[in-house]
Amino acid sequence: MKKKIITVITGSRPDYAALKQLLKLINLEKNLILRLVVTGSHLFSGNKDLLKFIFKDGFNIHKKIIISKKQFTPDAISTSMGLAMKNFSNYYKKNRPDLILVMGDRFEIFASVVAAMPFNIPIGHIEGGEITQGAFDDAIRHSLTKLSHLHFVSNKIHKRRVQQLGEELWRINLTGSPCIDTIKNNKTRTLKFLQTKYNFKINKKLLIITFHPVTLEYKNTKIYIYELLKALKMFNYTMIFTAPNQDTNSHIILREIKKFIKTSNNAYFVNNFGSRDYLSILKYASALVGNSSSGIIEAPSFKLPAVNIGNREAGRLRAKNVIDVNCKSRSIIKGINKAVSINFKQKLKNLKNPYGDGKASERIINCIKKIDLGKSSIINKKFLDNKFK
């Protein structure tokens, strides 16, 4: 049997963390060959630690595709997308795989898939059918669905949405999210280990704070981060900030966070925990605060309250751990108080994560092994009309 070459593309720390278990399983399969391509923020100056995590996990990088320097403005992002298409095109010309596997909704991932289209290379897309109404990622995700030939979705609701986009049912696989696989296969660090490694001290309640730019509202970035930090000043808790995504105006968020930390004796910044340490620190947290998908996808597995701020994750499927608040400090304060209350935490005792059971990677691998990727029917897509009343 001819071995199938699977090119997996990662452009950021979150998608790599989610894909890690899947990468391990591909490497274990005798009839699959993994080609890992890294791009996006992995290769930005100052982010060399991201590559260290990949090598430490035992993966070989087949190709590094630089798309640009850091993207803080709309024109820089557009230019980066154009450069990414050119560089990915050159890569595919010399390294044609049997399948390209991508995840999520990042602009560098979109560029990598558009570049593959003229080569008629089958695309497998993970986590289609989801909604994030406050970010242009929403449009990217749905576009990736139409550009892809196999879909690996995390929930029945997301499966139905992919069908609504005209995709044939046989192409859609209900697998769950690989993010949950990473949690299930994570060996938790002790709190003592984390405090020593990152040089922070947890005396009281612990808040993990991740706030990303809202790309459809990027002009309000300064206002939003001001309101968040204003709210956090009201709490004498230990606070650990993680870095925002490299999106429009992310430098404003980073700048204000570092200014806040300088005036506080209980706030810390960690640029990149790595998946193992990040998932470990969630175990000890009192609440997750911000607008990261982590509060919605990963946090339910820890029965961890998540204060979700603003519109970035609007429309995404939620478990009962999520407390939605607006971007005003008063609303954020109210949300944090509710999240850390004993009454709210008791309600999460029997919480189940709607994003899967930790076996998504196995299901994705089984699908790839069974399907004939050389069939013309893979590339020749039909649009399936839905009957609406």
Protein backbone atom coordinates (compact mmCIF):
# COMPACT_ATOMS: atom_id res chain seq x y z
CA MET A 1 0.00 0.00 0.00
CA LYS A 2 1.31 3.42 -0.99
CA LYS A 3 2.01 5.63 2.00
CA LYS A 4 -0.06 8.79 2.23
CA ILE A 5 1.82 12.05 2.70
CA ILE A 6 -0.03 14.31 5.15
CA THR A 7 1.05 17.95 5.31
CA VAL A 8 -0.10 19.58 8.55
CA ILE A 9 0.16 23.37 8.73
CA THR A 10 0.43 25.27 12.01
CA GLY A 11 0.57 29.05 12.25
CA SER A 12 0.16 29.81 15.94
CA ARG A 13 0.67 28.42 19.44
CA PRO A 14 -3.06 27.55 19.99
CA ASP A 15 -3.47 25.47 16.84
CA TYR A 16 -0.17 23.66 17.46
CA ALA A 17 -1.23 22.81 21.02
CA ALA A 18 -4.52 21.44 19.71
CA LEU A 19 -2.88 19.45 16.91
CA LYS A 20 -0.14 17.87 19.02
CA GLN A 21 -1.91 14.59 19.75
CA LEU A 22 -2.95 14.27 16.12
CA LEU A 23 0.67 14.79 15.00
CA LYS A 24 1.80 12.04 17.37
CA LEU A 25 -0.75 9.60 15.97
CA ILE A 26 0.20 10.37 12.36
CA ASN A 27 3.83 9.62 13.21
CA LEU A 28 2.80 6.27 14.69
CA GLU A 29 0.96 5.14 11.55
CA LYS A 30 3.05 2.97 9.21
CA ASN A 31 1.15 4.06 6.12
CA LEU A 32 1.14 7.80 6.84
CA ILE A 33 4.03 10.24 6.42
CA LEU A 34 3.89 13.49 8.38
CA ARG A 35 5.19 16.71 6.91
CA LEU A 36 4.87 19.49 9.46
CA VAL A 37 4.93 23.02 8.04
CA VAL A 38 5.22 25.97 10.42
CA THR A 39 4.36 29.55 9.54
CA GLY A 40 2.75 32.67 11.02
CA SER A 41 3.60 33.73 14.55
CA HIS A 42 5.81 30.67 15.11
CA LEU A 43 8.47 32.46 13.07
CA PHE A 44 8.16 36.02 14.36
CA SER A 45 11.25 37.43 16.05
CA GLY A 46 10.96 36.99 19.79
CA ASN A 47 8.88 33.82 19.42
CA LYS A 48 11.71 31.33 19.09
CA ASP A 49 10.43 29.50 22.15
CA LEU A 50 7.45 28.34 20.07
CA LEU A 51 9.77 26.34 17.81
CA LYS A 52 11.55 24.93 20.85
CA PHE A 53 8.28 23.39 22.02
CA ILE A 54 7.83 21.68 18.65
CA PHE A 55 11.32 20.17 18.67
CA LYS A 56 11.00 19.22 22.34
CA ASP A 57 7.81 17.33 21.51
CA GLY A 58 9.81 15.23 19.05
CA PHE A 59 8.54 16.57 15.72
CA ASN A 60 10.65 17.38 12.69
CA ILE A 61 9.77 20.55 10.82
CA HIS A 62 9.60 19.86 7.09
CA LYS A 63 9.42 23.53 6.11
CA LYS A 64 9.36 26.97 7.71
CA ILE A 65 7.34 29.41 5.61
CA ILE A 66 7.91 33.01 6.62
CA ILE A 67 5.01 35.25 5.68
CA SER A 68 6.04 38.60 7.15
CA LYS A 69 7.08 40.43 10.27
CA LYS A 70 4.57 41.01 13.05
CA GLN A 71 1.14 42.08 11.82
CA PHE A 72 -0.35 45.00 13.73
CA THR A 73 -2.22 46.82 10.94
CA PRO A 74 -4.81 45.81 8.30
CA ASP A 75 -2.46 46.59 5.40
CA ALA A 76 0.33 44.52 6.98
CA ILE A 77 -2.04 41.55 7.35
CA SER A 78 -3.20 41.82 3.74
CA THR A 79 0.40 42.02 2.53
CA SER A 80 1.30 39.00 4.66
CA MET A 81 -1.52 36.98 3.15
CA GLY A 82 -0.25 37.75 -0.34
CA LEU A 83 3.31 36.78 0.58
CA ALA A 84 2.04 33.61 2.27
CA MET A 85 0.21 32.54 -0.89
CA LYS A 86 3.36 33.05 -2.97
CA ASN A 87 5.60 31.12 -0.58
CA PHE A 88 3.12 28.28 -0.06
CA SER A 89 2.66 28.00 -3.83
CA ASN A 90 6.41 27.52 -4.25
CA TYR A 91 6.35 24.89 -1.53
CA TYR A 92 3.46 22.89 -3.03
CA LYS A 93 5.11 22.95 -6.45
CA LYS A 94 8.07 21.01 -5.06
CA ASN A 95 6.33 19.09 -2.25
CA ARG A 96 2.91 17.87 -3.27
CA PRO A 97 1.22 15.90 -0.45
CA ASP A 98 -1.78 13.57 -0.64
CA LEU A 99 -3.66 15.70 1.89
CA ILE A 100 -3.23 19.08 3.56
CA LEU A 101 -4.62 19.22 7.07
CA VAL A 102 -5.44 22.59 8.65
CA MET A 103 -7.32 23.77 11.70
CA GLY A 104 -9.41 26.77 12.63
CA ASP A 105 -9.68 30.24 11.19
CA ARG A 106 -6.37 32.14 11.03
CA PHE A 107 -5.54 34.31 8.01
CA GLU A 108 -2.22 32.54 7.37
CA ILE A 109 -4.08 29.22 7.23
CA PHE A 110 -6.55 30.70 4.76
CA ALA A 111 -3.65 31.86 2.54
CA SER A 112 -2.04 28.40 2.67
CA VAL A 113 -5.28 26.75 1.51
CA VAL A 114 -5.99 29.26 -1.28
CA ALA A 115 -2.47 28.64 -2.58
CA ALA A 116 -3.17 24.89 -2.71
CA MET A 117 -6.39 25.22 -4.71
CA PRO A 118 -4.83 25.39 -8.25
CA PHE A 119 -2.79 22.27 -7.46
CA ASN A 120 -5.96 20.21 -6.79
CA ILE A 121 -4.60 19.00 -3.47
CA PRO A 122 -7.28 17.62 -1.11
CA ILE A 123 -7.80 19.74 2.02
CA GLY A 124 -8.96 18.50 5.40
CA HIS A 125 -10.34 21.21 7.69
CA ILE A 126 -10.74 20.82 11.46
CA GLU A 127 -13.35 22.76 13.48
CA GLY A 128 -15.50 24.07 10.66
CA GLY A 129 -19.08 25.19 11.27
CA GLU A 130 -18.22 27.21 14.38
CA ILE A 131 -19.07 30.88 14.84
CA THR A 132 -17.11 33.85 16.22
CA GLN A 133 -19.14 36.86 15.25
CA GLY A 134 -16.76 39.47 16.62
CA ALA A 135 -13.80 38.52 14.44
CA PHE A 136 -13.14 38.29 10.72
CA ASP A 137 -12.02 34.75 11.57
CA ASP A 138 -15.69 33.85 11.12
CA ALA A 139 -15.56 34.62 7.38
CA ILE A 140 -12.21 32.84 7.07
CA ARG A 141 -13.54 29.70 8.76
CA HIS A 142 -16.58 29.45 6.49
CA SER A 143 -14.41 30.15 3.44
CA LEU A 144 -12.11 27.32 4.47
CA THR A 145 -15.13 25.03 4.60
CA LYS A 146 -15.91 25.78 0.95
CA LEU A 147 -12.26 25.35 -0.04
CA SER A 148 -11.91 22.04 1.81
CA HIS A 149 -12.83 18.51 0.78
CA LEU A 150 -13.02 16.75 4.15
CA HIS A 151 -14.44 18.25 7.33
CA PHE A 152 -13.73 17.22 10.92
CA VAL A 153 -16.25 18.99 13.14
CA SER A 154 -16.52 19.14 16.92
CA ASN A 155 -20.27 19.00 17.50
CA LYS A 156 -23.60 18.06 15.86
CA ILE A 157 -24.53 21.74 15.63
CA HIS A 158 -21.33 22.48 13.72
CA LYS A 159 -21.94 19.50 11.46
CA ARG A 160 -25.35 20.93 10.53
CA ARG A 161 -23.82 24.32 9.74
CA VAL A 162 -21.29 22.75 7.39
CA GLN A 163 -24.21 21.02 5.68
CA GLN A 164 -25.96 24.39 5.41
CA LEU A 165 -22.94 25.62 3.44
CA GLY A 166 -23.77 23.03 0.78
CA GLU A 167 -21.29 20.32 1.73
CA GLU A 168 -22.09 16.68 0.99
CA LEU A 169 -22.79 14.60 4.08
CA TRP A 170 -20.13 11.96 3.33
CA ARG A 171 -17.44 14.63 3.55
CA ILE A 172 -18.41 15.69 7.10
CA ASN A 173 -17.00 13.73 10.02
CA LEU A 174 -18.20 14.31 13.59
CA THR A 175 -14.98 13.87 15.56
CA GLY A 176 -14.96 16.33 18.43
CA SER A 177 -12.23 18.91 18.90
CA PRO A 178 -8.54 17.88 19.09
CA CYS A 179 -8.20 20.52 21.82
CA ILE A 180 -9.86 18.07 24.19
CA ASP A 181 -7.44 15.31 23.15
CA THR A 182 -4.56 17.47 24.33
CA ILE A 183 -6.23 17.85 27.73
CA LYS A 184 -6.88 14.12 28.07
CA ASN A 185 -3.26 13.28 27.19
CA ASN A 186 -1.70 16.03 29.32
CA LYS A 187 0.40 15.11 32.35
CA THR A 188 -0.34 17.85 34.85
CA ARG A 189 2.48 19.80 36.45
CA THR A 190 2.37 20.52 40.19
CA LEU A 191 1.61 24.04 41.33
CA LYS A 192 4.99 24.16 43.09
CA PHE A 193 6.76 23.31 39.82
CA LEU A 194 4.90 26.05 37.91
CA GLN A 195 5.57 28.69 40.55
CA THR A 196 9.27 27.89 40.54
CA LYS A 197 9.60 27.73 36.75
CA TYR A 198 7.77 30.99 36.04
CA ASN A 199 8.75 32.83 39.22
CA PHE A 200 5.27 33.72 40.41
CA LYS A 201 3.60 33.23 43.77
CA ILE A 202 -0.05 32.39 44.23
CA ASN A 203 -1.34 33.58 47.58
CA LYS A 204 -5.08 33.83 46.99
CA LYS A 205 -7.44 33.22 44.10
CA LEU A 206 -5.82 32.90 40.66
CA LEU A 207 -7.12 34.56 37.51
CA ILE A 208 -5.73 33.56 34.10
CA ILE A 209 -6.24 36.46 31.69
CA THR A 210 -6.07 36.26 27.91
CA PHE A 211 -7.41 39.16 25.88
CA HIS A 212 -7.12 39.21 22.08
CA PRO A 213 -7.88 42.01 19.60
CA VAL A 214 -11.48 42.00 18.37
CA THR A 215 -10.66 42.23 14.67
CA LEU A 216 -14.05 43.56 13.58
CA GLU A 217 -13.78 46.26 16.25
CA TYR A 218 -10.01 46.84 16.26
CA LYS A 219 -10.37 50.63 16.52
CA ASN A 220 -11.74 50.13 20.02
CA THR A 221 -8.80 48.02 21.22
CA LYS A 222 -7.40 50.69 23.54
CA ILE A 223 -10.80 51.29 25.12
CA TYR A 224 -11.43 47.58 25.66
CA ILE A 225 -8.10 46.83 27.31
CA TYR A 226 -8.46 49.96 29.48
CA GLU A 227 -11.85 48.77 30.77
CA LEU A 228 -10.50 45.27 31.47
CA LEU A 229 -7.49 46.54 33.42
CA LYS A 230 -9.67 49.04 35.28
CA ALA A 231 -11.84 46.13 36.43
CA LEU A 232 -8.86 43.98 37.45
CA LYS A 233 -7.54 46.73 39.72
CA MET A 234 -10.53 46.04 41.96
CA PHE A 235 -9.30 42.53 42.81
CA ASN A 236 -6.46 41.54 45.11
CA TYR A 237 -6.03 38.18 43.36
CA THR A 238 -2.99 36.68 41.70
CA MET A 239 -3.24 37.46 37.97
CA ILE A 240 -1.35 35.74 35.18
CA PHE A 241 -1.61 37.34 31.73
CA THR A 242 -0.82 35.42 28.56
CA ALA A 243 0.08 37.04 25.24
CA PRO A 244 -2.61 38.12 22.75
CA ASN A 245 -2.80 36.75 19.22
CA GLN A 246 -0.69 38.62 16.66
CA ASP A 247 -3.65 40.48 15.15
CA THR A 248 -4.50 44.09 14.38
CA ASN A 249 -3.55 46.32 17.34
CA SER A 250 -2.31 43.44 19.49
CA HIS A 251 0.71 45.61 20.33
CA ILE A 252 -1.63 48.00 22.18
CA ILE A 253 -2.92 45.19 24.39
CA LEU A 254 0.59 43.95 25.09
CA ARG A 255 1.84 47.44 25.94
CA GLU A 256 -0.99 48.15 28.39
CA ILE A 257 -0.65 44.78 30.09
CA LYS A 258 3.05 45.33 30.73
CA LYS A 259 2.35 48.80 32.13
CA PHE A 260 -0.28 47.30 34.45
CA ILE A 261 2.12 44.62 35.69
CA LYS A 262 4.78 47.20 36.56
CA THR A 263 2.37 48.87 39.00
CA SER A 264 1.13 45.63 40.57
CA ASN A 265 2.77 43.21 42.97
CA ASN A 266 0.43 40.32 42.19
CA ALA A 267 0.34 40.33 38.36
CA TYR A 268 2.58 38.36 36.00
CA PHE A 269 3.04 37.90 32.27
CA VAL A 270 3.87 34.63 30.51
CA ASN A 271 4.41 34.95 26.77
CA ASN A 272 3.94 31.25 26.08
CA PHE A 273 3.32 28.50 28.63
CA GLY A 274 3.36 25.69 26.11
CA SER A 275 0.37 23.37 26.09
CA ARG A 276 1.39 21.20 29.04
CA ASP A 277 2.08 24.07 31.43
CA TYR A 278 -0.91 26.08 30.23
CA LEU A 279 -3.34 23.23 30.79
CA SER A 280 -1.69 22.58 34.15
CA ILE A 281 -2.17 26.15 35.36
CA LEU A 282 -5.85 26.02 34.37
CA LYS A 283 -6.28 23.22 36.89
CA TYR A 284 -5.29 25.59 39.71
CA ALA A 285 -7.12 28.70 38.46
CA SER A 286 -10.21 30.20 40.05
CA ALA A 287 -11.41 31.67 36.75
CA LEU A 288 -10.37 32.37 33.18
CA VAL A 289 -10.94 35.98 32.12
CA GLY A 290 -10.82 37.55 28.63
CA ASN A 291 -12.08 36.70 25.18
CA SER A 292 -10.14 33.58 24.25
CA SER A 293 -11.75 30.45 22.82
CA SER A 294 -9.92 28.60 25.59
CA GLY A 295 -12.58 29.71 28.06
CA ILE A 296 -15.22 28.12 25.87
CA ILE A 297 -13.48 25.02 24.50
CA GLU A 298 -10.89 23.91 27.08
CA ALA A 299 -12.21 25.40 30.34
CA PRO A 300 -15.32 23.16 30.59
CA SER A 301 -13.04 20.11 30.89
CA PHE A 302 -11.65 21.63 34.11
CA LYS A 303 -15.08 22.79 35.31
CA LEU A 304 -13.44 26.20 35.28
CA PRO A 305 -15.56 29.38 35.23
CA ALA A 306 -14.81 31.63 32.27
CA VAL A 307 -15.67 35.33 32.10
CA ASN A 308 -16.07 35.98 28.38
CA ILE A 309 -15.74 39.66 27.49
CA GLY A 310 -17.36 41.30 24.49
CA ASN A 311 -18.24 40.05 21.02
CA ARG A 312 -15.14 38.19 19.87
CA GLU A 313 -16.57 34.75 20.70
CA ALA A 314 -20.22 35.67 20.08
CA GLY A 315 -22.16 32.79 18.55
CA ARG A 316 -19.80 30.05 19.68
CA LEU A 317 -21.35 27.01 21.38
CA ARG A 318 -21.11 27.38 25.16
CA ALA A 319 -21.20 25.21 28.24
CA LYS A 320 -22.61 26.54 31.52
CA ASN A 321 -19.16 27.60 32.76
CA VAL A 322 -19.21 30.69 30.51
CA ILE A 323 -20.32 34.04 31.92
CA ASP A 324 -20.82 36.57 29.13
CA VAL A 325 -20.17 40.24 29.95
CA ASN A 326 -19.77 43.41 27.92
CA CYS A 327 -16.56 45.45 27.67
CA LYS A 328 -17.43 47.87 30.48
CA SER A 329 -15.44 47.54 33.71
CA ARG A 330 -18.59 47.36 35.83
CA SER A 331 -19.86 44.36 33.88
CA ILE A 332 -16.46 42.64 34.02
CA ILE A 333 -16.26 43.10 37.81
CA LYS A 334 -19.71 41.61 38.22
CA GLY A 335 -18.75 38.66 36.01
CA ILE A 336 -15.55 37.91 37.97
CA ASN A 337 -17.38 38.06 41.29
CA LYS A 338 -19.92 35.58 40.00
CA ALA A 339 -17.22 33.29 38.55
CA VAL A 340 -15.28 32.95 41.82
CA SER A 341 -18.38 32.49 43.98
CA ILE A 342 -18.91 29.14 45.69
CA ASN A 343 -22.49 29.01 44.44
CA PHE A 344 -21.49 29.26 40.76
CA LYS A 345 -18.71 26.67 41.06
CA GLN A 346 -21.10 24.19 42.67
CA LYS A 347 -23.29 24.41 39.57
CA LEU A 348 -20.38 23.15 37.43
CA LYS A 349 -19.79 19.87 39.32
CA ASN A 350 -21.41 17.69 36.64
CA LEU A 351 -20.41 19.83 33.67
CA LYS A 352 -19.70 18.03 30.39
CA ASN A 353 -17.62 19.53 27.61
CA PRO A 354 -19.72 19.88 24.42
CA TYR A 355 -16.55 19.89 22.29
CA GLY A 356 -15.76 16.22 22.58
CA ASP A 357 -14.49 13.27 24.57
CA GLY A 358 -10.75 13.38 23.84
CA LYS A 359 -10.79 10.96 20.90
CA ALA A 360 -10.99 13.39 17.98
CA SER A 361 -7.47 12.67 16.72
CA GLU A 362 -8.16 8.94 16.55
CA ARG A 363 -11.32 9.54 14.52
CA ILE A 364 -9.54 11.91 12.14
CA ILE A 365 -6.74 9.38 11.59
CA ASN A 366 -9.22 6.55 10.94
CA CYS A 367 -11.01 8.65 8.33
CA ILE A 368 -7.76 9.56 6.56
CA LYS A 369 -6.66 5.91 6.52
CA LYS A 370 -9.91 4.66 5.01
CA ILE A 371 -10.56 7.26 2.32
CA ASP A 372 -9.07 7.06 -1.17
CA LEU A 373 -7.49 10.51 -1.54
CA GLY A 374 -6.69 9.91 -5.19
CA LYS A 375 -10.33 9.65 -6.30
CA SER A 376 -11.52 12.44 -8.56
CA SER A 377 -14.70 12.67 -6.47
CA ILE A 378 -12.61 14.08 -3.59
CA ILE A 379 -11.70 17.20 -5.56
CA ASN A 380 -14.88 17.44 -7.68
CA LYS A 381 -17.25 18.88 -5.11
CA LYS A 382 -20.99 19.15 -5.50
CA PHE A 383 -23.07 21.85 -3.88
CA LEU A 384 -25.84 20.19 -1.95
CA ASP A 385 -28.95 22.37 -1.92
CA ASN A 386 -30.77 22.46 1.39
CA LYS A 387 -34.53 22.45 1.51
CA PHE A 388 -35.85 25.34 3.55
CA LYS A 389 -39.46 25.85 4.53
